[in-house]
Amino acid sequence: MKKFGRISLVLSLTLSMMMLGACSSNNGGGTAEENSGNSGTKSTNSITLGFSQVGAESGWRSANTKSIQDSAKEAGYTLKFSDAQQKQENQIKALRSFIQQKVDVISFSPVVESGWDTVLKEAKDAGIPVILTDRAVDSKDTSLYVTFLGSDFVEEGRKAGQWLTEQYKDAAEDINIVELQGTTGSAPANDRMQGFKEVISSNPNLKIIASQTGDFTRAKGKEVMQAFLKAHKDIDVLYAHNDDMALGAIQAIEAAGLKPGEDIKIISVDAVKDGMQAASEGKINFIVECNPLLGPQLMKVVQDVVDGKSVEARIVTEETTFTSEEAKEALPNRQY
């Protein structure tokens, strides 16, 4: 009887523990796979994303960084963030650090287009998928990255060119254009220049008389525009690859006693708040939007990649354009 009593006690305790375990599972104590609802997925709070940013050279870039950081936090991801300070060597070091840390996904906005094959192959060999954001690379081996999420920079250049050709379609004399390019070798600089030239070539009166990099910064934009104004007394149009350079150029134009938007027409790209403010005041005539708020889209792509889902090789963000009047209307509700 004593032996039977001991067996009964053990069985009772075992049954009680099983019942408690079942209650815990019903309250969310299952495995990550069970909680995700798909045995082939990974829960968001166990995903680690390594992200390397170009730098903080402009208002656009700051808004882009904030969008990524906020979206990663909202998604419950662990974000390992690195600022390359506009230097490719810093970015390559960051990518190698992410590989050593065995993150689940690597994403980065390349400082320039070339020179990535070696480190991307290292990531591929380590089994870590790579997502390009905002800027592309010129690697011929597209298997080195999963997808490229960002704007169509060539199309942005085309939009700028289309507005200009429409404005001067009846011009009988030469229209002299100066161009403030982005960082030399970067995808947006190359592509915005290509798209713009492609369109304005249809009008032989539209002539680019000077073109120089302003590194996407306000200070450099001002400096280069000052040099343009000293070298050329007959500038009709400024095409700036981003708002920050355009804003720096406006300072130089005003210091020279000229009226931006009137004496010199200005076309810019980005549509950040400061640029939109200048446009609403008539100092910038036309802005092509380049949306920096890529965070939510990036986090969705990260989850899809981790879950083994198929993603498009090229994901283009939706964007628009603004005249001065349209900028004035949109400015009060601008998020960045």
C-alpha atoms as a PDB file:
ATOM      1  CA  MET A   1       0.000   0.000   0.000  1.00  0.00           C
ATOM      2  CA  LYS A   2       2.814   2.393   0.794  1.00  0.00           C
ATOM      3  CA  LYS A   3       4.414   1.622  -2.586  1.00  0.00           C
ATOM      4  CA  PHE A   4       1.098   2.190  -4.377  1.00  0.00           C
ATOM      5  CA  GLY A   5       0.640   5.505  -2.501  1.00  0.00           C
ATOM      6  CA  ARG A   6       4.059   6.729  -3.608  1.00  0.00           C
ATOM      7  CA  ILE A   7       3.276   5.872  -7.256  1.00  0.00           C
ATOM      8  CA  SER A   8      -0.068   7.725  -7.015  1.00  0.00           C
ATOM      9  CA  LEU A   9       1.699  10.794  -5.607  1.00  0.00           C
ATOM     10  CA  VAL A  10       4.267  10.823  -8.431  1.00  0.00           C
ATOM     11  CA  LEU A  11       1.535  10.471 -11.054  1.00  0.00           C
ATOM     12  CA  SER A  12      -0.479  13.315  -9.488  1.00  0.00           C
ATOM     13  CA  LEU A  13       2.540  15.616  -9.435  1.00  0.00           C
ATOM     14  CA  THR A  14       3.378  14.764 -13.043  1.00  0.00           C
ATOM     15  CA  LEU A  15      -0.185  15.476 -14.196  1.00  0.00           C
ATOM     16  CA  SER A  16      -0.190  18.791 -12.325  1.00  0.00           C
ATOM     17  CA  MET A  17       3.076  19.878 -13.955  1.00  0.00           C
ATOM     18  CA  MET A  18       1.728  18.958 -17.402  1.00  0.00           C
ATOM     19  CA  MET A  19      -1.407  21.002 -16.797  1.00  0.00           C
ATOM     20  CA  LEU A  20       0.629  24.015 -15.663  1.00  0.00           C
ATOM     21  CA  GLY A  21       2.787  23.704 -18.787  1.00  0.00           C
ATOM     22  CA  ALA A  22      -0.314  23.677 -20.966  1.00  0.00           C
ATOM     23  CA  CYS A  23      -1.613  26.858 -19.288  1.00  0.00           C
ATOM     24  CA  SER A  24       1.723  28.581 -19.860  1.00  0.00           C
ATOM     25  CA  SER A  25       1.629  27.711 -23.574  1.00  0.00           C
ATOM     26  CA  ASN A  26      -1.853  29.144 -23.896  1.00  0.00           C
ATOM     27  CA  ASN A  27      -0.531  32.418 -22.448  1.00  0.00           C
ATOM     28  CA  GLY A  28       2.182  32.851 -25.105  1.00  0.00           C
ATOM     29  CA  GLY A  29       4.896  30.553 -23.816  1.00  0.00           C
ATOM     30  CA  GLY A  30       5.296  28.635 -27.096  1.00  0.00           C
ATOM     31  CA  THR A  31       8.422  28.582 -29.227  1.00  0.00           C
ATOM     32  CA  ALA A  32       9.302  31.408 -31.639  1.00  0.00           C
ATOM     33  CA  GLU A  33       8.141  29.243 -34.532  1.00  0.00           C
ATOM     34  CA  GLU A  34       4.828  28.458 -32.839  1.00  0.00           C
ATOM     35  CA  ASN A  35       4.191  32.091 -31.937  1.00  0.00           C
ATOM     36  CA  SER A  36       4.901  33.236 -35.485  1.00  0.00           C
ATOM     37  CA  GLY A  37       2.214  30.920 -36.787  1.00  0.00           C
ATOM     38  CA  ASN A  38       4.661  29.408 -39.306  1.00  0.00           C
ATOM     39  CA  SER A  39       7.236  26.786 -38.428  1.00  0.00           C
ATOM     40  CA  GLY A  40       9.457  28.133 -41.223  1.00  0.00           C
ATOM     41  CA  THR A  41       9.621  31.736 -39.975  1.00  0.00           C
ATOM     42  CA  LYS A  42      11.661  33.551 -37.381  1.00  0.00           C
ATOM     43  CA  SER A  43      10.010  35.806 -34.788  1.00  0.00           C
ATOM     44  CA  THR A  44      10.705  39.509 -35.237  1.00  0.00           C
ATOM     45  CA  ASN A  45      12.260  39.944 -31.798  1.00  0.00           C
ATOM     46  CA  SER A  46      15.011  37.476 -32.710  1.00  0.00           C
ATOM     47  CA  ILE A  47      16.007  39.186 -35.976  1.00  0.00           C
ATOM     48  CA  THR A  48      19.265  41.150 -35.970  1.00  0.00           C
ATOM     49  CA  LEU A  49      19.767  43.665 -38.784  1.00  0.00           C
ATOM     50  CA  GLY A  50      23.134  45.231 -39.517  1.00  0.00           C
ATOM     51  CA  PHE A  51      22.761  48.587 -41.291  1.00  0.00           C
ATOM     52  CA  SER A  52      25.542  50.808 -42.628  1.00  0.00           C
ATOM     53  CA  GLN A  53      24.536  54.382 -43.458  1.00  0.00           C
ATOM     54  CA  VAL A  54      26.397  56.712 -45.819  1.00  0.00           C
ATOM     55  CA  GLY A  55      26.666  59.463 -43.219  1.00  0.00           C
ATOM     56  CA  ALA A  56      24.737  62.551 -42.122  1.00  0.00           C
ATOM     57  CA  GLU A  57      25.568  64.866 -45.008  1.00  0.00           C
ATOM     58  CA  SER A  58      22.086  66.259 -45.548  1.00  0.00           C
ATOM     59  CA  GLY A  59      18.606  66.711 -44.134  1.00  0.00           C
ATOM     60  CA  TRP A  60      17.469  63.882 -46.405  1.00  0.00           C
ATOM     61  CA  ARG A  61      20.016  61.490 -44.932  1.00  0.00           C
ATOM     62  CA  SER A  62      19.088  62.384 -41.356  1.00  0.00           C
ATOM     63  CA  ALA A  63      15.410  61.703 -42.125  1.00  0.00           C
ATOM     64  CA  ASN A  64      16.377  58.405 -43.766  1.00  0.00           C
ATOM     65  CA  THR A  65      18.386  57.328 -40.714  1.00  0.00           C
ATOM     66  CA  LYS A  66      15.569  58.200 -38.315  1.00  0.00           C
ATOM     67  CA  SER A  67      13.047  56.294 -40.428  1.00  0.00           C
ATOM     68  CA  ILE A  68      15.208  53.151 -40.365  1.00  0.00           C
ATOM     69  CA  GLN A  69      15.948  53.367 -36.634  1.00  0.00           C
ATOM     70  CA  ASP A  70      12.332  54.045 -35.678  1.00  0.00           C
ATOM     71  CA  SER A  71      10.996  51.317 -37.967  1.00  0.00           C
ATOM     72  CA  ALA A  72      13.452  48.721 -36.662  1.00  0.00           C
ATOM     73  CA  LYS A  73      12.420  49.531 -33.088  1.00  0.00           C
ATOM     74  CA  GLU A  74       8.731  49.328 -33.982  1.00  0.00           C
ATOM     75  CA  ALA A  75       9.282  45.977 -35.708  1.00  0.00           C
ATOM     76  CA  GLY A  76      11.099  44.630 -32.653  1.00  0.00           C
ATOM     77  CA  TYR A  77      14.384  44.021 -34.502  1.00  0.00           C
ATOM     78  CA  THR A  78      17.833  44.348 -32.975  1.00  0.00           C
ATOM     79  CA  LEU A  79      19.516  47.040 -35.105  1.00  0.00           C
ATOM     80  CA  LYS A  80      23.295  47.309 -35.325  1.00  0.00           C
ATOM     81  CA  PHE A  81      23.820  50.736 -36.908  1.00  0.00           C
ATOM     82  CA  SER A  82      27.014  52.179 -38.366  1.00  0.00           C
ATOM     83  CA  ASP A  83      27.701  55.654 -39.811  1.00  0.00           C
ATOM     84  CA  ALA A  84      30.332  55.496 -42.584  1.00  0.00           C
ATOM     85  CA  GLN A  85      30.914  59.267 -42.559  1.00  0.00           C
ATOM     86  CA  GLN A  86      30.866  59.193 -46.384  1.00  0.00           C
ATOM     87  CA  LYS A  87      33.914  56.924 -46.584  1.00  0.00           C
ATOM     88  CA  GLN A  88      33.781  53.598 -48.393  1.00  0.00           C
ATOM     89  CA  GLU A  89      36.548  52.082 -46.260  1.00  0.00           C
ATOM     90  CA  ASN A  90      34.455  52.715 -43.132  1.00  0.00           C
ATOM     91  CA  GLN A  91      31.467  51.035 -44.738  1.00  0.00           C
ATOM     92  CA  ILE A  92      33.455  47.962 -45.760  1.00  0.00           C
ATOM     93  CA  LYS A  93      34.761  47.632 -42.191  1.00  0.00           C
ATOM     94  CA  ALA A  94      31.202  47.865 -40.879  1.00  0.00           C
ATOM     95  CA  LEU A  95      29.968  45.148 -43.253  1.00  0.00           C
ATOM     96  CA  ARG A  96      32.795  42.842 -42.186  1.00  0.00           C
ATOM     97  CA  SER A  97      31.947  43.523 -38.551  1.00  0.00           C
ATOM     98  CA  PHE A  98      28.316  42.566 -39.226  1.00  0.00           C
ATOM     99  CA  ILE A  99      29.517  39.323 -40.838  1.00  0.00           C
ATOM    100  CA  GLN A 100      31.682  38.501 -37.802  1.00  0.00           C
ATOM    101  CA  GLN A 101      28.726  39.199 -35.511  1.00  0.00           C
ATOM    102  CA  LYS A 102      26.592  36.805 -37.596  1.00  0.00           C
ATOM    103  CA  VAL A 103      23.658  39.154 -38.044  1.00  0.00           C
ATOM    104  CA  ASP A 104      20.602  37.761 -39.849  1.00  0.00           C
ATOM    105  CA  VAL A 105      20.497  40.403 -42.591  1.00  0.00           C
ATOM    106  CA  ILE A 106      22.850  43.157 -43.785  1.00  0.00           C
ATOM    107  CA  SER A 107      21.540  46.328 -45.392  1.00  0.00           C
ATOM    108  CA  PHE A 108      23.450  49.393 -46.500  1.00  0.00           C
ATOM    109  CA  SER A 109      23.335  52.529 -48.654  1.00  0.00           C
ATOM    110  CA  PRO A 110      26.592  52.391 -50.648  1.00  0.00           C
ATOM    111  CA  VAL A 111      28.771  55.511 -50.535  1.00  0.00           C
ATOM    112  CA  VAL A 112      29.808  54.880 -54.153  1.00  0.00           C
ATOM    113  CA  GLU A 113      28.777  52.318 -56.775  1.00  0.00           C
ATOM    114  CA  SER A 114      32.049  50.430 -57.334  1.00  0.00           C
ATOM    115  CA  GLY A 115      34.330  48.261 -55.226  1.00  0.00           C
ATOM    116  CA  TRP A 116      31.888  46.048 -53.305  1.00  0.00           C
ATOM    117  CA  ASP A 117      32.271  42.585 -54.840  1.00  0.00           C
ATOM    118  CA  THR A 118      34.827  41.239 -52.352  1.00  0.00           C
ATOM    119  CA  VAL A 119      32.939  42.115 -49.159  1.00  0.00           C
ATOM    120  CA  LEU A 120      29.583  41.147 -50.676  1.00  0.00           C
ATOM    121  CA  LYS A 121      31.015  37.738 -51.562  1.00  0.00           C
ATOM    122  CA  GLU A 122      32.180  37.392 -47.955  1.00  0.00           C
ATOM    123  CA  ALA A 123      28.611  38.004 -46.793  1.00  0.00           C
ATOM    124  CA  LYS A 124      27.253  35.524 -49.329  1.00  0.00           C
ATOM    125  CA  ASP A 125      29.774  32.869 -48.243  1.00  0.00           C
ATOM    126  CA  ALA A 126      28.677  33.445 -44.632  1.00  0.00           C
ATOM    127  CA  GLY A 127      25.054  32.872 -45.659  1.00  0.00           C
ATOM    128  CA  ILE A 128      23.968  36.413 -44.773  1.00  0.00           C
ATOM    129  CA  PRO A 129      21.547  38.039 -47.258  1.00  0.00           C
ATOM    130  CA  VAL A 130      22.238  41.650 -48.280  1.00  0.00           C
ATOM    131  CA  ILE A 131      19.645  44.329 -49.093  1.00  0.00           C
ATOM    132  CA  LEU A 132      20.732  47.527 -50.848  1.00  0.00           C
ATOM    133  CA  THR A 133      18.804  50.660 -49.871  1.00  0.00           C
ATOM    134  CA  ASP A 134      18.677  54.100 -51.515  1.00  0.00           C
ATOM    135  CA  ARG A 135      21.802  53.535 -53.650  1.00  0.00           C
ATOM    136  CA  ALA A 136      22.840  50.733 -56.008  1.00  0.00           C
ATOM    137  CA  VAL A 137      26.157  49.034 -56.740  1.00  0.00           C
ATOM    138  CA  ASP A 138      27.579  48.310 -60.198  1.00  0.00           C
ATOM    139  CA  SER A 139      28.445  44.666 -59.514  1.00  0.00           C
ATOM    140  CA  LYS A 140      27.788  42.378 -62.489  1.00  0.00           C
ATOM    141  CA  ASP A 141      27.086  39.508 -60.089  1.00  0.00           C
ATOM    142  CA  THR A 142      23.572  40.306 -58.910  1.00  0.00           C
ATOM    143  CA  SER A 143      23.502  37.153 -56.777  1.00  0.00           C
ATOM    144  CA  LEU A 144      25.634  39.033 -54.222  1.00  0.00           C
ATOM    145  CA  TYR A 145      22.553  40.881 -52.964  1.00  0.00           C
ATOM    146  CA  VAL A 146      18.875  40.016 -52.682  1.00  0.00           C
ATOM    147  CA  THR A 147      17.235  43.264 -53.755  1.00  0.00           C
ATOM    148  CA  PHE A 148      17.677  46.998 -54.167  1.00  0.00           C
ATOM    149  CA  LEU A 149      15.082  49.187 -52.437  1.00  0.00           C
ATOM    150  CA  GLY A 150      15.075  52.839 -53.383  1.00  0.00           C
ATOM    151  CA  SER A 151      14.316  55.612 -55.831  1.00  0.00           C
ATOM    152  CA  ASP A 152      14.855  55.579 -59.577  1.00  0.00           C
ATOM    153  CA  PHE A 153      17.567  58.247 -59.789  1.00  0.00           C
ATOM    154  CA  VAL A 154      17.652  58.258 -63.579  1.00  0.00           C
ATOM    155  CA  GLU A 155      13.931  58.978 -63.628  1.00  0.00           C
ATOM    156  CA  GLU A 156      14.480  61.793 -61.112  1.00  0.00           C
ATOM    157  CA  GLY A 157      16.961  63.363 -63.515  1.00  0.00           C
ATOM    158  CA  ARG A 158      14.484  62.931 -66.355  1.00  0.00           C
ATOM    159  CA  LYS A 159      11.738  64.686 -64.377  1.00  0.00           C
ATOM    160  CA  ALA A 160      14.064  67.628 -63.748  1.00  0.00           C
ATOM    161  CA  GLY A 161      14.956  67.756 -67.436  1.00  0.00           C
ATOM    162  CA  GLN A 162      11.327  67.510 -68.544  1.00  0.00           C
ATOM    163  CA  TRP A 163      10.323  70.518 -66.457  1.00  0.00           C
ATOM    164  CA  LEU A 164      13.238  72.532 -67.842  1.00  0.00           C
ATOM    165  CA  THR A 165      12.587  71.657 -71.484  1.00  0.00           C
ATOM    166  CA  GLU A 166       8.942  72.641 -71.039  1.00  0.00           C
ATOM    167  CA  GLN A 167       9.911  76.003 -69.507  1.00  0.00           C
ATOM    168  CA  TYR A 168      12.250  76.851 -72.374  1.00  0.00           C
ATOM    169  CA  LYS A 169      10.547  75.128 -75.298  1.00  0.00           C
ATOM    170  CA  ASP A 170      10.208  78.459 -77.144  1.00  0.00           C
ATOM    171  CA  ALA A 171      13.679  79.784 -76.309  1.00  0.00           C
ATOM    172  CA  ALA A 172      15.502  81.255 -79.302  1.00  0.00           C
ATOM    173  CA  GLU A 173      18.813  81.788 -77.492  1.00  0.00           C
ATOM    174  CA  ASP A 174      21.117  79.549 -75.469  1.00  0.00           C
ATOM    175  CA  ILE A 175      20.058  78.778 -71.895  1.00  0.00           C
ATOM    176  CA  ASN A 176      23.152  78.380 -69.740  1.00  0.00           C
ATOM    177  CA  ILE A 177      22.932  75.723 -67.034  1.00  0.00           C
ATOM    178  CA  VAL A 178      25.302  75.003 -64.157  1.00  0.00           C
ATOM    179  CA  GLU A 179      25.091  71.668 -62.341  1.00  0.00           C
ATOM    180  CA  LEU A 180      25.872  70.856 -58.724  1.00  0.00           C
ATOM    181  CA  GLN A 181      26.557  67.121 -58.730  1.00  0.00           C
ATOM    182  CA  GLY A 182      26.320  64.782 -55.764  1.00  0.00           C
ATOM    183  CA  THR A 183      29.252  62.790 -54.394  1.00  0.00           C
ATOM    184  CA  THR A 184      31.532  61.713 -57.239  1.00  0.00           C
ATOM    185  CA  GLY A 185      30.973  58.052 -58.150  1.00  0.00           C
ATOM    186  CA  SER A 186      27.728  57.721 -56.192  1.00  0.00           C
ATOM    187  CA  ALA A 187      24.647  56.238 -57.844  1.00  0.00           C
ATOM    188  CA  PRO A 188      22.429  59.317 -57.375  1.00  0.00           C
ATOM    189  CA  ALA A 189      25.073  61.630 -58.818  1.00  0.00           C
ATOM    190  CA  ASN A 190      25.696  59.406 -61.848  1.00  0.00           C
ATOM    191  CA  ASP A 191      22.038  58.660 -62.515  1.00  0.00           C
ATOM    192  CA  ARG A 192      20.570  62.126 -61.906  1.00  0.00           C
ATOM    193  CA  MET A 193      23.138  63.546 -64.298  1.00  0.00           C
ATOM    194  CA  GLN A 194      22.391  60.841 -66.891  1.00  0.00           C
ATOM    195  CA  GLY A 195      18.605  61.262 -66.788  1.00  0.00           C
ATOM    196  CA  PHE A 196      18.817  65.060 -66.945  1.00  0.00           C
ATOM    197  CA  LYS A 197      21.195  65.103 -69.921  1.00  0.00           C
ATOM    198  CA  GLU A 198      19.142  62.471 -71.712  1.00  0.00           C
ATOM    199  CA  VAL A 199      16.064  64.719 -71.714  1.00  0.00           C
ATOM    200  CA  ILE A 200      17.579  68.180 -72.294  1.00  0.00           C
ATOM    201  CA  SER A 201      19.573  66.877 -75.283  1.00  0.00           C
ATOM    202  CA  SER A 202      16.335  67.181 -77.262  1.00  0.00           C
ATOM    203  CA  ASN A 203      16.708  70.989 -77.092  1.00  0.00           C
ATOM    204  CA  PRO A 204      20.051  72.253 -78.480  1.00  0.00           C
ATOM    205  CA  ASN A 205      19.553  75.615 -76.741  1.00  0.00           C
ATOM    206  CA  LEU A 206      19.873  73.998 -73.305  1.00  0.00           C
ATOM    207  CA  LYS A 207      23.597  73.939 -72.541  1.00  0.00           C
ATOM    208  CA  ILE A 208      25.420  72.782 -69.396  1.00  0.00           C
ATOM    209  CA  ILE A 209      28.326  75.230 -69.156  1.00  0.00           C
ATOM    210  CA  ALA A 210      29.752  74.000 -65.835  1.00  0.00           C
ATOM    211  CA  SER A 211      29.350  70.908 -63.675  1.00  0.00           C
ATOM    212  CA  GLN A 212      31.073  70.134 -60.386  1.00  0.00           C
ATOM    213  CA  THR A 213      30.501  68.034 -57.285  1.00  0.00           C
ATOM    214  CA  GLY A 214      29.114  69.654 -54.159  1.00  0.00           C
ATOM    215  CA  ASP A 215      29.226  66.370 -52.185  1.00  0.00           C
ATOM    216  CA  PHE A 216      25.510  66.698 -51.339  1.00  0.00           C
ATOM    217  CA  THR A 217      26.363  69.247 -48.608  1.00  0.00           C
ATOM    218  CA  ARG A 218      25.101  72.793 -48.073  1.00  0.00           C
ATOM    219  CA  ALA A 219      28.577  74.211 -47.383  1.00  0.00           C
ATOM    220  CA  LYS A 220      30.086  72.697 -50.510  1.00  0.00           C
ATOM    221  CA  GLY A 221      27.085  73.761 -52.587  1.00  0.00           C
ATOM    222  CA  LYS A 222      27.641  77.361 -51.516  1.00  0.00           C
ATOM    223  CA  GLU A 223      31.366  77.178 -52.200  1.00  0.00           C
ATOM    224  CA  VAL A 224      30.995  75.724 -55.693  1.00  0.00           C
ATOM    225  CA  MET A 225      28.188  78.126 -56.624  1.00  0.00           C
ATOM    226  CA  GLN A 226      30.413  81.042 -55.614  1.00  0.00           C
ATOM    227  CA  ALA A 227      33.035  79.730 -58.036  1.00  0.00           C
ATOM    228  CA  PHE A 228      30.419  79.307 -60.778  1.00  0.00           C
ATOM    229  CA  LEU A 229      29.250  82.909 -60.334  1.00  0.00           C
ATOM    230  CA  LYS A 230      32.808  84.242 -60.554  1.00  0.00           C
ATOM    231  CA  ALA A 231      33.581  82.220 -63.680  1.00  0.00           C
ATOM    232  CA  HIS A 232      30.282  82.767 -65.510  1.00  0.00           C
ATOM    233  CA  LYS A 233      28.309  86.017 -65.704  1.00  0.00           C
ATOM    234  CA  ASP A 234      25.448  84.567 -67.733  1.00  0.00           C
ATOM    235  CA  ILE A 235      24.000  81.693 -65.688  1.00  0.00           C
ATOM    236  CA  ASP A 236      20.310  81.105 -66.380  1.00  0.00           C
ATOM    237  CA  VAL A 237      19.623  77.829 -64.540  1.00  0.00           C
ATOM    238  CA  LEU A 238      21.053  75.838 -61.631  1.00  0.00           C
ATOM    239  CA  TYR A 239      20.386  72.101 -61.471  1.00  0.00           C
ATOM    240  CA  ALA A 240      21.306  70.766 -58.006  1.00  0.00           C
ATOM    241  CA  HIS A 241      21.319  67.039 -57.275  1.00  0.00           C
ATOM    242  CA  ASN A 242      19.862  67.676 -53.812  1.00  0.00           C
ATOM    243  CA  ASP A 243      18.168  70.354 -51.723  1.00  0.00           C
ATOM    244  CA  ASP A 244      21.090  70.961 -49.377  1.00  0.00           C
ATOM    245  CA  MET A 245      23.408  71.951 -52.222  1.00  0.00           C
ATOM    246  CA  ALA A 246      20.635  74.112 -53.695  1.00  0.00           C
ATOM    247  CA  LEU A 247      20.192  75.856 -50.340  1.00  0.00           C
ATOM    248  CA  GLY A 248      23.920  76.546 -50.111  1.00  0.00           C
ATOM    249  CA  ALA A 249      23.849  77.862 -53.680  1.00  0.00           C
ATOM    250  CA  ILE A 250      20.952  80.180 -52.802  1.00  0.00           C
ATOM    251  CA  GLN A 251      23.144  81.793 -50.142  1.00  0.00           C
ATOM    252  CA  ALA A 252      25.864  82.399 -52.740  1.00  0.00           C
ATOM    253  CA  ILE A 253      23.380  83.769 -55.287  1.00  0.00           C
ATOM    254  CA  GLU A 254      21.871  86.189 -52.774  1.00  0.00           C
ATOM    255  CA  ALA A 255      25.340  87.295 -51.616  1.00  0.00           C
ATOM    256  CA  ALA A 256      26.096  88.150 -55.241  1.00  0.00           C
ATOM    257  CA  GLY A 257      23.092  90.473 -55.320  1.00  0.00           C
ATOM    258  CA  LEU A 258      20.919  88.189 -57.467  1.00  0.00           C
ATOM    259  CA  LYS A 259      17.459  86.751 -56.850  1.00  0.00           C
ATOM    260  CA  PRO A 260      17.287  82.946 -56.709  1.00  0.00           C
ATOM    261  CA  GLY A 261      14.274  81.651 -58.616  1.00  0.00           C
ATOM    262  CA  GLU A 262      14.150  84.776 -60.771  1.00  0.00           C
ATOM    263  CA  ASP A 263      17.606  85.799 -61.999  1.00  0.00           C
ATOM    264  CA  ILE A 264      18.673  82.147 -61.838  1.00  0.00           C
ATOM    265  CA  LYS A 265      16.046  79.405 -62.074  1.00  0.00           C
ATOM    266  CA  ILE A 266      16.712  76.548 -59.649  1.00  0.00           C
ATOM    267  CA  ILE A 267      15.829  72.864 -59.962  1.00  0.00           C
ATOM    268  CA  SER A 268      16.550  70.527 -57.057  1.00  0.00           C
ATOM    269  CA  VAL A 269      16.002  66.957 -55.896  1.00  0.00           C
ATOM    270  CA  ASP A 270      14.793  65.612 -52.494  1.00  0.00           C
ATOM    271  CA  ALA A 271      11.892  67.797 -51.247  1.00  0.00           C
ATOM    272  CA  VAL A 272      12.977  67.944 -47.599  1.00  0.00           C
ATOM    273  CA  LYS A 273      11.360  70.618 -45.423  1.00  0.00           C
ATOM    274  CA  ASP A 274      14.083  73.237 -45.878  1.00  0.00           C
ATOM    275  CA  GLY A 275      13.975  72.766 -49.636  1.00  0.00           C
ATOM    276  CA  MET A 276      10.188  72.912 -49.686  1.00  0.00           C
ATOM    277  CA  GLN A 277      10.319  76.114 -47.601  1.00  0.00           C
ATOM    278  CA  ALA A 278      12.672  77.707 -50.141  1.00  0.00           C
ATOM    279  CA  ALA A 279      10.400  76.556 -52.953  1.00  0.00           C
ATOM    280  CA  SER A 280       7.327  77.999 -51.230  1.00  0.00           C
ATOM    281  CA  GLU A 281       9.169  81.344 -51.152  1.00  0.00           C
ATOM    282  CA  GLY A 282       9.897  81.104 -54.876  1.00  0.00           C
ATOM    283  CA  LYS A 283      13.657  80.590 -54.424  1.00  0.00           C
ATOM    284  CA  ILE A 284      13.529  77.061 -55.856  1.00  0.00           C
ATOM    285  CA  ASN A 285      11.352  76.716 -58.940  1.00  0.00           C
ATOM    286  CA  PHE A 286      10.970  72.948 -59.159  1.00  0.00           C
ATOM    287  CA  ILE A 287      11.739  70.036 -56.824  1.00  0.00           C
ATOM    288  CA  VAL A 288      11.789  66.361 -57.704  1.00  0.00           C
ATOM    289  CA  GLU A 289      10.876  64.279 -54.665  1.00  0.00           C
ATOM    290  CA  CYS A 290      13.170  61.565 -53.343  1.00  0.00           C
ATOM    291  CA  ASN A 291      11.441  59.934 -50.376  1.00  0.00           C
ATOM    292  CA  PRO A 292      13.813  59.160 -47.461  1.00  0.00           C
ATOM    293  CA  LEU A 293      11.236  57.310 -45.344  1.00  0.00           C
ATOM    294  CA  LEU A 294      12.308  53.826 -46.437  1.00  0.00           C
ATOM    295  CA  GLY A 295      12.250  52.278 -42.951  1.00  0.00           C
ATOM    296  CA  PRO A 296       8.827  50.578 -43.034  1.00  0.00           C
ATOM    297  CA  GLN A 297       9.462  49.088 -46.494  1.00  0.00           C
ATOM    298  CA  LEU A 298      12.923  47.896 -45.479  1.00  0.00           C
ATOM    299  CA  MET A 299      11.658  46.110 -42.348  1.00  0.00           C
ATOM    300  CA  LYS A 300       9.013  44.293 -44.377  1.00  0.00           C
ATOM    301  CA  VAL A 301      11.626  43.160 -46.904  1.00  0.00           C
ATOM    302  CA  VAL A 302      13.910  42.012 -44.051  1.00  0.00           C
ATOM    303  CA  GLN A 303      11.119  39.866 -42.587  1.00  0.00           C
ATOM    304  CA  ASP A 304      10.283  38.407 -46.009  1.00  0.00           C
ATOM    305  CA  VAL A 305      13.941  37.562 -46.649  1.00  0.00           C
ATOM    306  CA  VAL A 306      14.348  35.904 -43.234  1.00  0.00           C
ATOM    307  CA  ASP A 307      11.131  33.951 -43.833  1.00  0.00           C
ATOM    308  CA  GLY A 308      12.493  32.704 -47.144  1.00  0.00           C
ATOM    309  CA  LYS A 309       9.829  34.485 -49.196  1.00  0.00           C
ATOM    310  CA  SER A 310      10.468  35.658 -52.731  1.00  0.00           C
ATOM    311  CA  VAL A 311      11.118  39.407 -53.122  1.00  0.00           C
ATOM    312  CA  GLU A 312      11.443  41.554 -56.220  1.00  0.00           C
ATOM    313  CA  ALA A 313      15.005  42.222 -57.355  1.00  0.00           C
ATOM    314  CA  ARG A 314      14.169  45.942 -57.652  1.00  0.00           C
ATOM    315  CA  ILE A 315      11.700  47.770 -55.415  1.00  0.00           C
ATOM    316  CA  VAL A 316      11.033  51.378 -56.453  1.00  0.00           C
ATOM    317  CA  THR A 317       9.592  53.935 -54.040  1.00  0.00           C
ATOM    318  CA  GLU A 318       6.671  56.132 -55.124  1.00  0.00           C
ATOM    319  CA  GLU A 319       7.496  59.832 -55.508  1.00  0.00           C
ATOM    320  CA  THR A 320       6.207  63.060 -57.046  1.00  0.00           C
ATOM    321  CA  THR A 321       7.350  66.580 -58.019  1.00  0.00           C
ATOM    322  CA  PHE A 322       6.598  70.103 -56.746  1.00  0.00           C
ATOM    323  CA  THR A 323       6.417  73.515 -58.344  1.00  0.00           C
ATOM    324  CA  SER A 324       6.703  76.529 -56.036  1.00  0.00           C
ATOM    325  CA  GLU A 325       2.931  76.723 -55.633  1.00  0.00           C
ATOM    326  CA  GLU A 326       2.595  72.985 -54.987  1.00  0.00           C
ATOM    327  CA  ALA A 327       5.378  73.160 -52.399  1.00  0.00           C
ATOM    328  CA  LYS A 328       3.529  75.943 -50.594  1.00  0.00           C
ATOM    329  CA  GLU A 329       0.427  73.768 -50.385  1.00  0.00           C
ATOM    330  CA  ALA A 330       2.282  70.629 -49.263  1.00  0.00           C
ATOM    331  CA  LEU A 331       4.671  72.242 -46.762  1.00  0.00           C
ATOM    332  CA  PRO A 332       2.382  72.348 -43.682  1.00  0.00           C
ATOM    333  CA  ASN A 333       1.981  68.561 -43.747  1.00  0.00           C
ATOM    334  CA  ARG A 334       5.557  67.670 -44.679  1.00  0.00           C
ATOM    335  CA  GLN A 335       6.994  64.907 -42.459  1.00  0.00           C
ATOM    336  CA  TYR A 336      10.665  65.503 -43.293  1.00  0.00           C
END
